[in-house]
Amino acid sequence: MVGTHAGDLIAEFVLAMKHNLGLNKVLGTIHIYPTLGEANKYVAGNWRKNHVPQKLMRFLEKFHAWRR
């Protein structure tokens, strides 16, 4: 990360990496009020959405269609 307040934003990811916390822990973090830290949740959510295994999603769609 590069830019204004990058040190404030990166601390949450450094903590998660150091303690081997998953992306869901970052997404589940509740910030007291809207802060720059909310940007971390936004970034984590976008990364997760863009890295969904498509093969698994197609299987789940077919499975749920069959169950209905």
PDB file of N, CA and C in Angstrom:
ATOM      1  N   MET A   1       0.841  -1.174   0.000  1.00  0.00           N
ATOM      2  CA  MET A   1       0.000   0.000   0.000  1.00  0.00           C
ATOM      3  C   MET A   1       0.885   1.235   0.000  1.00  0.00           C
ATOM      4  N   VAL A   2       0.465   2.193  -0.785  1.00  0.00           N
ATOM      5  CA  VAL A   2       1.204   3.440  -0.882  1.00  0.00           C
ATOM      6  C   VAL A   2       0.191   4.572  -0.850  1.00  0.00           C
ATOM      7  N   GLY A   3       0.482   5.593  -0.095  1.00  0.00           N
ATOM      8  CA  GLY A   3      -0.389   6.754  -0.079  1.00  0.00           C
ATOM      9  C   GLY A   3      -0.587   7.299   1.320  1.00  0.00           C
ATOM     10  N   THR A   4      -1.414   8.304   1.386  1.00  0.00           N
ATOM     11  CA  THR A   4      -1.725   8.935   2.654  1.00  0.00           C
ATOM     12  C   THR A   4      -2.425   7.940   3.566  1.00  0.00           C
ATOM     13  N   HIS A   5      -1.992   7.873   4.803  1.00  0.00           N
ATOM     14  CA  HIS A   5      -2.566   6.993   5.823  1.00  0.00           C
ATOM     15  C   HIS A   5      -2.420   5.502   5.500  1.00  0.00           C
ATOM     16  N   ALA A   6      -1.467   5.148   4.648  1.00  0.00           N
ATOM     17  CA  ALA A   6      -1.257   3.739   4.305  1.00  0.00           C
ATOM     18  C   ALA A   6      -0.872   2.942   5.549  1.00  0.00           C
ATOM     19  N   GLY A   7      -0.129   3.548   6.452  1.00  0.00           N
ATOM     20  CA  GLY A   7       0.263   2.872   7.687  1.00  0.00           C
ATOM     21  C   GLY A   7      -0.938   2.506   8.537  1.00  0.00           C
ATOM     22  N   ASP A   8      -1.951   3.338   8.526  1.00  0.00           N
ATOM     23  CA  ASP A   8      -3.163   3.046   9.284  1.00  0.00           C
ATOM     24  C   ASP A   8      -3.931   1.879   8.672  1.00  0.00           C
ATOM     25  N   LEU A   9      -3.910   1.792   7.355  1.00  0.00           N
ATOM     26  CA  LEU A   9      -4.669   0.757   6.665  1.00  0.00           C
ATOM     27  C   LEU A   9      -3.982  -0.604   6.690  1.00  0.00           C
ATOM     28  N   ILE A  10      -2.665  -0.606   6.604  1.00  0.00           N
ATOM     29  CA  ILE A  10      -1.949  -1.870   6.467  1.00  0.00           C
ATOM     30  C   ILE A  10      -1.849  -2.632   7.785  1.00  0.00           C
ATOM     31  N   ALA A  11      -1.989  -1.944   8.890  1.00  0.00           N
ATOM     32  CA  ALA A  11      -1.825  -2.584  10.205  1.00  0.00           C
ATOM     33  C   ALA A  11      -2.795  -3.752  10.399  1.00  0.00           C
ATOM     34  N   GLU A  12      -3.999  -3.617   9.944  1.00  0.00           N
ATOM     35  CA  GLU A  12      -4.991  -4.682  10.112  1.00  0.00           C
ATOM     36  C   GLU A  12      -4.590  -5.942   9.334  1.00  0.00           C
ATOM     37  N   PHE A  13      -4.070  -5.760   8.120  1.00  0.00           N
ATOM     38  CA  PHE A  13      -3.637  -6.905   7.326  1.00  0.00           C
ATOM     39  C   PHE A  13      -2.373  -7.535   7.898  1.00  0.00           C
ATOM     40  N   VAL A  14      -1.466  -6.725   8.431  1.00  0.00           N
ATOM     41  CA  VAL A  14      -0.251  -7.258   9.053  1.00  0.00           C
ATOM     42  C   VAL A  14      -0.623  -8.114  10.258  1.00  0.00           C
ATOM     43  N   LEU A  15      -1.546  -7.645  11.065  1.00  0.00           N
ATOM     44  CA  LEU A  15      -2.008  -8.411  12.225  1.00  0.00           C
ATOM     45  C   LEU A  15      -2.619  -9.736  11.784  1.00  0.00           C
ATOM     46  N   ALA A  16      -3.456  -9.697  10.755  1.00  0.00           N
ATOM     47  CA  ALA A  16      -4.094 -10.922  10.264  1.00  0.00           C
ATOM     48  C   ALA A  16      -3.058 -11.905   9.726  1.00  0.00           C
ATOM     49  N   MET A  17      -2.068 -11.407   9.011  1.00  0.00           N
ATOM     50  CA  MET A  17      -1.039 -12.287   8.462  1.00  0.00           C
ATOM     51  C   MET A  17      -0.156 -12.867   9.560  1.00  0.00           C
ATOM     52  N   LYS A  18       0.198 -12.049  10.540  1.00  0.00           N
ATOM     53  CA  LYS A  18       1.080 -12.508  11.615  1.00  0.00           C
ATOM     54  C   LYS A  18       0.427 -13.615  12.445  1.00  0.00           C
ATOM     55  N   HIS A  19      -0.858 -13.509  12.670  1.00  0.00           N
ATOM     56  CA  HIS A  19      -1.557 -14.475  13.516  1.00  0.00           C
ATOM     57  C   HIS A  19      -2.347 -15.499  12.697  1.00  0.00           C
ATOM     58  N   ASN A  20      -2.054 -15.555  11.394  1.00  0.00           N
ATOM     59  CA  ASN A  20      -2.642 -16.545  10.501  1.00  0.00           C
ATOM     60  C   ASN A  20      -4.177 -16.518  10.532  1.00  0.00           C
ATOM     61  N   LEU A  21      -4.727 -15.325  10.519  1.00  0.00           N
ATOM     62  CA  LEU A  21      -6.174 -15.154  10.488  1.00  0.00           C
ATOM     63  C   LEU A  21      -6.630 -15.125   9.035  1.00  0.00           C
ATOM     64  N   GLY A  22      -7.763 -15.660   8.762  1.00  0.00           N
ATOM     65  CA  GLY A  22      -8.266 -15.699   7.397  1.00  0.00           C
ATOM     66  C   GLY A  22      -8.942 -14.400   6.995  1.00  0.00           C
ATOM     67  N   LEU A  23      -9.300 -14.366   5.728  1.00  0.00           N
ATOM     68  CA  LEU A  23      -9.958 -13.191   5.174  1.00  0.00           C
ATOM     69  C   LEU A  23     -11.320 -12.954   5.825  1.00  0.00           C
ATOM     70  N   ASN A  24     -11.983 -14.019   6.243  1.00  0.00           N
ATOM     71  CA  ASN A  24     -13.279 -13.863   6.911  1.00  0.00           C
ATOM     72  C   ASN A  24     -13.161 -13.079   8.208  1.00  0.00           C
ATOM     73  N   LYS A  25     -12.037 -13.199   8.891  1.00  0.00           N
ATOM     74  CA  LYS A  25     -11.840 -12.427  10.128  1.00  0.00           C
ATOM     75  C   LYS A  25     -11.726 -10.942   9.820  1.00  0.00           C
ATOM     76  N   VAL A  26     -11.052 -10.604   8.724  1.00  0.00           N
ATOM     77  CA  VAL A  26     -10.950  -9.197   8.325  1.00  0.00           C
ATOM     78  C   VAL A  26     -12.325  -8.686   7.926  1.00  0.00           C
ATOM     79  N   LEU A  27     -13.061  -9.509   7.170  1.00  0.00           N
ATOM     80  CA  LEU A  27     -14.408  -9.098   6.748  1.00  0.00           C
ATOM     81  C   LEU A  27     -15.359  -8.972   7.927  1.00  0.00           C
ATOM     82  N   GLY A  28     -15.152  -9.769   8.956  1.00  0.00           N
ATOM     83  CA  GLY A  28     -16.034  -9.750  10.117  1.00  0.00           C
ATOM     84  C   GLY A  28     -15.683  -8.707  11.162  1.00  0.00           C
ATOM     85  N   THR A  29     -14.631  -7.975  10.939  1.00  0.00           N
ATOM     86  CA  THR A  29     -14.208  -6.961  11.907  1.00  0.00           C
ATOM     87  C   THR A  29     -15.209  -5.806  11.934  1.00  0.00           C
ATOM     88  N   ILE A  30     -15.621  -5.450  13.122  1.00  0.00           N
ATOM     89  CA  ILE A  30     -16.544  -4.327  13.289  1.00  0.00           C
ATOM     90  C   ILE A  30     -15.742  -3.118  13.761  1.00  0.00           C
ATOM     91  N   HIS A  31     -15.807  -2.053  12.991  1.00  0.00           N
ATOM     92  CA  HIS A  31     -15.136  -0.811  13.374  1.00  0.00           C
ATOM     93  C   HIS A  31     -16.158   0.079  14.076  1.00  0.00           C
ATOM     94  N   ILE A  32     -15.715   0.784  15.080  1.00  0.00           N
ATOM     95  CA  ILE A  32     -16.610   1.570  15.926  1.00  0.00           C
ATOM     96  C   ILE A  32     -17.398   2.595  15.124  1.00  0.00           C
ATOM     97  N   TYR A  33     -16.770   3.248  14.217  1.00  0.00           N
ATOM     98  CA  TYR A  33     -17.439   4.220  13.360  1.00  0.00           C
ATOM     99  C   TYR A  33     -16.701   4.215  12.029  1.00  0.00           C
ATOM    100  N   PRO A  34     -17.302   4.736  10.991  1.00  0.00           N
ATOM    101  CA  PRO A  34     -16.618   4.699   9.688  1.00  0.00           C
ATOM    102  C   PRO A  34     -15.232   5.337   9.763  1.00  0.00           C
ATOM    103  N   THR A  35     -14.251   4.527   9.486  1.00  0.00           N
ATOM    104  CA  THR A  35     -12.862   4.976   9.509  1.00  0.00           C
ATOM    105  C   THR A  35     -12.183   4.525   8.227  1.00  0.00           C
ATOM    106  N   LEU A  36     -10.916   4.825   8.124  1.00  0.00           N
ATOM    107  CA  LEU A  36     -10.152   4.330   6.987  1.00  0.00           C
ATOM    108  C   LEU A  36     -10.073   2.816   7.018  1.00  0.00           C
ATOM    109  N   GLY A  37     -10.196   2.223   8.204  1.00  0.00           N
ATOM    110  CA  GLY A  37     -10.156   0.776   8.331  1.00  0.00           C
ATOM    111  C   GLY A  37     -11.295   0.089   7.597  1.00  0.00           C
ATOM    112  N   GLU A  38     -12.391   0.791   7.381  1.00  0.00           N
ATOM    113  CA  GLU A  38     -13.502   0.225   6.609  1.00  0.00           C
ATOM    114  C   GLU A  38     -13.064  -0.079   5.187  1.00  0.00           C
ATOM    115  N   ALA A  39     -12.068   0.634   4.706  1.00  0.00           N
ATOM    116  CA  ALA A  39     -11.554   0.365   3.361  1.00  0.00           C
ATOM    117  C   ALA A  39     -10.990  -1.044   3.289  1.00  0.00           C
ATOM    118  N   ASN A  40     -10.413  -1.531   4.396  1.00  0.00           N
ATOM    119  CA  ASN A  40      -9.880  -2.890   4.421  1.00  0.00           C
ATOM    120  C   ASN A  40     -10.983  -3.909   4.183  1.00  0.00           C
ATOM    121  N   LYS A  41     -12.130  -3.705   4.787  1.00  0.00           N
ATOM    122  CA  LYS A  41     -13.248  -4.624   4.586  1.00  0.00           C
ATOM    123  C   LYS A  41     -13.698  -4.589   3.123  1.00  0.00           C
ATOM    124  N   TYR A  42     -13.723  -3.417   2.546  1.00  0.00           N
ATOM    125  CA  TYR A  42     -14.126  -3.273   1.151  1.00  0.00           C
ATOM    126  C   TYR A  42     -13.152  -4.015   0.229  1.00  0.00           C
ATOM    127  N   VAL A  43     -11.857  -3.820   0.469  1.00  0.00           N
ATOM    128  CA  VAL A  43     -10.833  -4.477  -0.350  1.00  0.00           C
ATOM    129  C   VAL A  43     -10.909  -5.994  -0.179  1.00  0.00           C
ATOM    130  N   ALA A  44     -11.034  -6.456   1.066  1.00  0.00           N
ATOM    131  CA  ALA A  44     -11.107  -7.892   1.330  1.00  0.00           C
ATOM    132  C   ALA A  44     -12.344  -8.505   0.668  1.00  0.00           C
ATOM    133  N   GLY A  45     -13.458  -7.805   0.733  1.00  0.00           N
ATOM    134  CA  GLY A  45     -14.685  -8.296   0.105  1.00  0.00           C
ATOM    135  C   GLY A  45     -14.562  -8.387  -1.403  1.00  0.00           C
ATOM    136  N   ASN A  46     -13.951  -7.387  -2.011  1.00  0.00           N
ATOM    137  CA  ASN A  46     -13.757  -7.415  -3.460  1.00  0.00           C
ATOM    138  C   ASN A  46     -12.803  -8.525  -3.867  1.00  0.00           C
ATOM    139  N   TRP A  47     -11.733  -8.723  -3.113  1.00  0.00           N
ATOM    140  CA  TRP A  47     -10.784  -9.789  -3.433  1.00  0.00           C
ATOM    141  C   TRP A  47     -11.477 -11.144  -3.354  1.00  0.00           C
ATOM    142  N   ARG A  48     -12.238 -11.321  -2.298  1.00  0.00           N
ATOM    143  CA  ARG A  48     -12.932 -12.593  -2.109  1.00  0.00           C
ATOM    144  C   ARG A  48     -13.942 -12.850  -3.227  1.00  0.00           C
ATOM    145  N   LYS A  49     -14.682 -11.807  -3.602  1.00  0.00           N
ATOM    146  CA  LYS A  49     -15.680 -11.942  -4.656  1.00  0.00           C
ATOM    147  C   LYS A  49     -15.012 -12.276  -5.995  1.00  0.00           C
ATOM    148  N   ASN A  50     -13.845 -11.713  -6.251  1.00  0.00           N
ATOM    149  CA  ASN A  50     -13.151 -11.950  -7.517  1.00  0.00           C
ATOM    150  C   ASN A  50     -12.396 -13.272  -7.555  1.00  0.00           C
ATOM    151  N   HIS A  51     -12.242 -13.947  -6.428  1.00  0.00           N
ATOM    152  CA  HIS A  51     -11.489 -15.193  -6.373  1.00  0.00           C
ATOM    153  C   HIS A  51     -12.357 -16.381  -5.950  1.00  0.00           C
ATOM    154  N   VAL A  52     -13.634 -16.319  -6.253  1.00  0.00           N
ATOM    155  CA  VAL A  52     -14.533 -17.438  -5.972  1.00  0.00           C
ATOM    156  C   VAL A  52     -14.244 -18.528  -6.997  1.00  0.00           C
ATOM    157  N   PRO A  53     -14.074 -19.777  -6.553  1.00  0.00           N
ATOM    158  CA  PRO A  53     -13.831 -20.861  -7.514  1.00  0.00           C
ATOM    159  C   PRO A  53     -15.056 -21.093  -8.402  1.00  0.00           C
ATOM    160  N   GLN A  54     -14.927 -20.785  -9.673  1.00  0.00           N
ATOM    161  CA  GLN A  54     -16.054 -20.859 -10.604  1.00  0.00           C
ATOM    162  C   GLN A  54     -16.560 -22.284 -10.784  1.00  0.00           C
ATOM    163  N   LYS A  55     -15.669 -23.248 -10.770  1.00  0.00           N
ATOM    164  CA  LYS A  55     -16.078 -24.644 -10.916  1.00  0.00           C
ATOM    165  C   LYS A  55     -16.996 -25.058  -9.767  1.00  0.00           C
ATOM    166  N   LEU A  56     -16.636 -24.653  -8.563  1.00  0.00           N
ATOM    167  CA  LEU A  56     -17.450 -24.951  -7.385  1.00  0.00           C
ATOM    168  C   LEU A  56     -18.799 -24.245  -7.466  1.00  0.00           C
ATOM    169  N   MET A  57     -18.798 -23.003  -7.910  1.00  0.00           N
ATOM    170  CA  MET A  57     -20.052 -22.258  -8.003  1.00  0.00           C
ATOM    171  C   MET A  57     -21.008 -22.901  -9.013  1.00  0.00           C
ATOM    172  N   ARG A  58     -20.490 -23.380 -10.144  1.00  0.00           N
ATOM    173  CA  ARG A  58     -21.348 -24.052 -11.124  1.00  0.00           C
ATOM    174  C   ARG A  58     -21.937 -25.329 -10.533  1.00  0.00           C
ATOM    175  N   PHE A  59     -21.110 -26.068  -9.793  1.00  0.00           N
ATOM    176  CA  PHE A  59     -21.600 -27.284  -9.146  1.00  0.00           C
ATOM    177  C   PHE A  59     -22.701 -26.958  -8.142  1.00  0.00           C
ATOM    178  N   LEU A  60     -22.479 -25.935  -7.315  1.00  0.00           N
ATOM    179  CA  LEU A  60     -23.474 -25.562  -6.308  1.00  0.00           C
ATOM    180  C   LEU A  60     -24.779 -25.093  -6.941  1.00  0.00           C
ATOM    181  N   GLU A  61     -24.687 -24.356  -8.049  1.00  0.00           N
ATOM    182  CA  GLU A  61     -25.900 -23.921  -8.742  1.00  0.00           C
ATOM    183  C   GLU A  61     -26.707 -25.117  -9.231  1.00  0.00           C
ATOM    184  N   LYS A  62     -26.023 -26.085  -9.822  1.00  0.00           N
ATOM    185  CA  LYS A  62     -26.713 -27.288 -10.296  1.00  0.00           C
ATOM    186  C   LYS A  62     -27.291 -28.093  -9.136  1.00  0.00           C
ATOM    187  N   PHE A  63     -26.535 -28.206  -8.063  1.00  0.00           N
ATOM    188  CA  PHE A  63     -26.997 -28.954  -6.910  1.00  0.00           C
ATOM    189  C   PHE A  63     -28.249 -28.334  -6.300  1.00  0.00           C
ATOM    190  N   HIS A  64     -28.226 -27.016  -6.114  1.00  0.00           N
ATOM    191  CA  HIS A  64     -29.389 -26.345  -5.513  1.00  0.00           C
ATOM    192  C   HIS A  64     -30.585 -26.352  -6.444  1.00  0.00           C
ATOM    193  N   ALA A  65     -30.353 -26.277  -7.754  1.00  0.00           N
ATOM    194  CA  ALA A  65     -31.460 -26.382  -8.711  1.00  0.00           C
ATOM    195  C   ALA A  65     -32.085 -27.764  -8.637  1.00  0.00           C
ATOM    196  N   TRP A  66     -31.253 -28.786  -8.487  1.00  0.00           N
ATOM    197  CA  TRP A  66     -31.740 -30.151  -8.365  1.00  0.00           C
ATOM    198  C   TRP A  66     -32.540 -30.331  -7.075  1.00  0.00           C
ATOM    199  N   ARG A  67     -32.078 -29.715  -5.978  1.00  0.00           N
ATOM    200  CA  ARG A  67     -32.751 -29.857  -4.669  1.00  0.00           C
ATOM    201  C   ARG A  67     -34.101 -29.143  -4.656  1.00  0.00           C
ATOM    202  N   ARG A  68     -34.272 -28.139  -5.459  1.00  0.00           N
ATOM    203  CA  ARG A  68     -35.552 -27.425  -5.487  1.00  0.00           C
ATOM    204  C   ARG A  68     -36.532 -28.272  -6.174  1.00  0.00           C
TER     205      ARG A  68
END
